[in-house]
């Protein structure tokens, strides 16, 4: 599903998805060139989504899937999260609030091995939605990659892909083939204990 504002809409950071979107989702992909309301991706167990901000209680009790947030995050983010992964632009440990106190999740300050496919996923978001924000982040990837901490369950142990070399050509081309991101669909869809052996 691709959601973007009308071409003539000049609103800055529009809210395009209401409350409880992706509640209990078991699969699929969502690209939103705007913000989502409260309780976004609560109990998500397999969907992938990119949004440009979420309200309170985002990703609560998430068990699998992957969420990328390119904007502000409300309170109580990722509380009770036991699986999956979230990438939140400019997030500090403070956004976890009560979630951190329950010891269910932790804030990993870098993309590490996930960098290559996060970059491709962000490019897919731009290609599908025309997001101005995604384009700007991709053009300055050298800076952007340091702005993407990762929020993972405490039991998460590994990374998904090899990191992009630090001397990669800049700026990155915004339009990239979608085949790379599609090839990563098995990443972060099941808790490690349930994944099939390699």
Protein backbone atom coordinates (compact mmCIF):
# COMPACT_ATOMS: atom_id res chain seq x y z
CA UNK A 1 0.00 0.00 0.00
CA UNK A 2 1.35 3.43 -0.97
CA UNK A 3 -0.12 6.58 0.58
CA UNK A 4 1.00 10.05 -0.43
CA UNK A 5 -0.54 13.51 -0.27
CA UNK A 6 -2.28 15.01 -3.32
CA UNK A 7 0.17 16.69 -5.70
CA UNK A 8 -1.09 20.20 -4.88
CA UNK A 9 -1.06 19.66 -1.12
CA UNK A 10 1.61 21.90 0.42
CA UNK A 11 1.09 20.80 4.03
CA UNK A 12 4.31 20.18 5.94
CA UNK A 13 4.46 16.66 7.46
CA UNK A 14 0.77 15.82 6.87
CA UNK A 15 -0.98 13.15 8.90
CA UNK A 16 -2.12 10.69 6.24
CA UNK A 17 -2.87 7.53 8.27
CA UNK A 18 -5.26 7.46 11.21
CA UNK A 19 -5.08 5.71 14.57
CA UNK A 20 -4.44 1.96 14.88
CA UNK A 21 -3.14 1.44 11.33
CA UNK A 22 -1.37 -1.94 11.00
CA UNK A 23 -2.81 -3.05 14.33
CA UNK A 24 -2.17 -6.80 14.43
CA UNK A 25 -0.81 -6.87 10.86
CA UNK A 26 0.63 -10.23 9.82
CA UNK A 27 2.30 -9.21 6.57
CA UNK A 28 2.40 -6.76 3.69
CA UNK A 29 4.22 -3.51 3.03
CA UNK A 30 3.14 0.08 3.66
CA UNK A 31 4.80 3.28 2.43
CA UNK A 32 3.40 6.57 3.77
CA UNK A 33 4.80 9.96 2.69
CA UNK A 34 3.41 11.52 5.85
CA UNK A 35 2.66 10.76 9.48
CA UNK A 36 0.56 8.09 11.16
CA UNK A 37 -1.68 8.51 14.19
CA UNK A 38 -1.54 6.74 17.54
CA UNK A 39 -1.05 3.01 18.09
CA UNK A 40 0.66 2.50 14.76
CA UNK A 41 1.80 -1.12 14.19
CA UNK A 42 0.69 -2.29 17.64
CA UNK A 43 0.98 -6.09 17.77
CA UNK A 44 2.56 -6.08 14.31
CA UNK A 45 3.67 -9.61 13.55
CA UNK A 46 5.10 -9.35 10.07
CA UNK A 47 4.34 -6.13 8.17
CA UNK A 48 7.01 -3.75 6.90
CA UNK A 49 6.25 -0.03 6.89
CA UNK A 50 7.88 3.34 6.33
CA UNK A 51 6.17 6.41 7.80
CA UNK A 52 7.34 9.96 8.43
CA UNK A 53 6.21 10.19 12.06
CA UNK A 54 3.93 8.35 14.51
CA UNK A 55 1.77 9.25 17.48
CA UNK A 56 1.77 7.69 20.94
CA UNK A 57 2.14 3.94 21.55
CA UNK A 58 3.74 3.09 18.19
CA UNK A 59 5.03 -0.49 17.82
CA UNK A 60 3.73 -1.64 21.20
CA UNK A 61 3.80 -5.42 21.66
CA UNK A 62 5.32 -5.89 18.21
CA UNK A 63 6.48 -9.48 17.62
CA UNK A 64 7.93 -9.40 14.07
CA UNK A 65 8.26 -7.20 11.00
CA UNK A 66 10.16 -3.96 10.47
CA UNK A 67 9.17 -0.33 10.87
CA UNK A 68 11.08 2.75 9.71
CA UNK A 69 10.07 6.13 11.16
CA UNK A 70 11.49 9.24 9.48
CA UNK A 71 9.99 11.78 11.86
CA UNK A 72 8.79 12.41 15.39
CA UNK A 73 7.65 9.59 17.67
CA UNK A 74 5.07 9.86 20.44
CA UNK A 75 5.37 8.52 23.97
CA UNK A 76 5.56 4.86 24.95
CA UNK A 77 7.14 3.76 21.68
CA UNK A 78 7.97 0.02 21.46
CA UNK A 79 6.64 -0.84 24.92
CA UNK A 80 6.38 -4.62 25.23
CA UNK A 81 8.07 -5.22 21.88
CA UNK A 82 9.40 -8.80 21.74
CA UNK A 83 10.34 -9.21 18.08
CA UNK A 84 10.96 -7.37 14.84
CA UNK A 85 12.96 -4.18 14.53
CA UNK A 86 12.41 -0.42 14.30
CA UNK A 87 14.61 2.23 12.72
CA UNK A 88 13.81 5.71 14.02
CA UNK A 89 15.52 8.78 12.57
CA UNK A 90 17.24 10.93 15.22
CA UNK A 91 15.89 8.79 18.05
CA UNK A 92 17.53 9.00 21.45
CA UNK A 93 17.26 6.49 24.24
CA UNK A 94 14.69 8.81 25.82
CA UNK A 95 11.99 7.88 23.27
CA UNK A 96 11.76 4.43 24.78
CA UNK A 97 10.49 5.73 28.10
CA UNK A 98 8.60 2.98 29.90
CA UNK A 99 9.68 0.40 27.31
CA UNK A 100 13.29 0.73 28.45
CA UNK A 101 12.29 0.37 32.08
CA UNK A 102 10.60 -2.96 31.33
CA UNK A 103 13.88 -4.22 29.82
CA UNK A 104 12.04 -5.60 26.77
CA UNK A 105 13.87 -3.44 24.22
CA UNK A 106 17.13 -1.62 23.79
CA UNK A 107 18.43 1.28 21.75
CA UNK A 108 21.27 0.30 19.40
CA UNK A 109 23.01 3.53 18.36
CA UNK A 110 23.94 2.50 14.81
CA UNK A 111 22.67 0.56 11.80
CA UNK A 112 25.71 -1.72 11.81
CA UNK A 113 25.11 -4.64 9.44
CA UNK A 114 21.61 -3.45 8.48
CA UNK A 115 22.88 -0.37 6.64
CA UNK A 116 22.80 -1.71 3.08
CA UNK A 117 19.20 -2.84 3.10
CA UNK A 118 17.94 0.12 5.17
CA UNK A 119 19.42 2.39 2.51
CA UNK A 120 17.72 0.41 -0.26
CA UNK A 121 14.43 0.33 1.66
CA UNK A 122 14.55 4.12 2.08
CA UNK A 123 15.20 4.46 -1.66
CA UNK A 124 12.17 2.25 -2.35
CA UNK A 125 10.08 4.54 -0.13
CA UNK A 126 11.16 7.52 -2.21
CA UNK A 127 10.55 5.73 -5.50
CA UNK A 128 7.05 4.65 -4.51
CA UNK A 129 5.87 7.84 -2.76
CA UNK A 130 8.00 10.66 -4.17
CA UNK A 131 8.89 11.61 -0.58
CA UNK A 132 10.93 14.80 -0.48
CA UNK A 133 12.21 13.85 2.97
CA UNK A 134 13.47 10.45 1.79
CA UNK A 135 15.21 12.05 -1.20
CA UNK A 136 17.03 14.51 1.06
CA UNK A 137 18.14 11.75 3.41
CA UNK A 138 19.46 9.65 0.54
CA UNK A 139 21.39 12.52 -1.03
CA UNK A 140 23.35 12.95 2.18
CA UNK A 141 23.60 9.30 3.18
CA UNK A 142 27.02 9.74 4.78
CA UNK A 143 25.34 11.93 7.44
CA UNK A 144 21.98 10.15 7.44
CA UNK A 145 23.33 6.71 8.34
CA UNK A 146 24.63 8.08 11.65
CA UNK A 147 21.15 9.44 12.43
CA UNK A 148 19.44 6.03 12.32
CA UNK A 149 19.57 4.22 15.65
CA UNK A 150 17.86 0.87 15.86
CA UNK A 151 15.35 -0.31 18.44
CA UNK A 152 15.40 -4.05 19.00
CA UNK A 153 14.14 -6.56 21.55
CA UNK A 154 16.76 -7.46 24.12
CA UNK A 155 16.90 -11.02 22.81
CA UNK A 156 17.91 -9.82 19.28
CA UNK A 157 21.45 -10.98 18.62
CA UNK A 158 22.59 -10.36 15.06
CA UNK A 159 22.48 -8.12 12.03
CA UNK A 160 20.96 -8.78 8.67
CA UNK A 161 23.51 -7.73 6.08
CA UNK A 162 27.06 -6.56 5.52
CA UNK A 163 27.63 -2.83 6.11
CA UNK A 164 28.14 -0.43 3.22
CA UNK A 165 31.82 0.66 3.01
CA UNK A 166 32.41 4.10 4.50
CA UNK A 167 34.00 5.29 1.25
CA UNK A 168 30.85 4.60 -0.81
CA UNK A 169 30.25 7.11 -3.59
CA UNK A 170 28.20 10.15 -2.60
CA UNK A 171 25.60 11.31 -3.24
CA UNK A 172 23.67 8.09 -3.62
CA UNK A 173 21.39 7.79 -6.64
CA UNK A 174 17.82 8.17 -5.39
CA UNK A 175 16.21 5.81 -7.92
CA UNK A 176 17.42 2.25 -7.36
CA UNK A 177 16.06 -1.10 -8.51
CA UNK A 178 13.41 -2.47 -6.16
CA UNK A 179 14.74 -6.01 -6.51
CA UNK A 180 17.25 -5.52 -3.67
CA UNK A 181 14.66 -4.49 -1.11
CA UNK A 182 12.29 -7.23 -2.25
CA UNK A 183 15.05 -9.80 -1.78
CA UNK A 184 15.20 -8.89 1.90
CA UNK A 185 11.58 -9.81 2.69
CA UNK A 186 12.60 -12.68 4.95
CA UNK A 187 14.61 -10.39 7.23
CA UNK A 188 13.03 -9.62 10.61
CA UNK A 189 9.82 -11.50 9.92
CA UNK A 190 10.22 -14.11 12.64
CA UNK A 191 11.80 -14.08 16.09
CA UNK A 192 15.24 -15.71 16.03
CA UNK A 193 13.97 -18.75 17.93
CA UNK A 194 11.41 -19.51 15.19
CA UNK A 195 13.53 -18.81 12.11
CA UNK A 196 14.53 -21.70 9.89
CA UNK A 197 18.20 -22.73 10.08
CA UNK A 198 20.48 -21.26 7.42
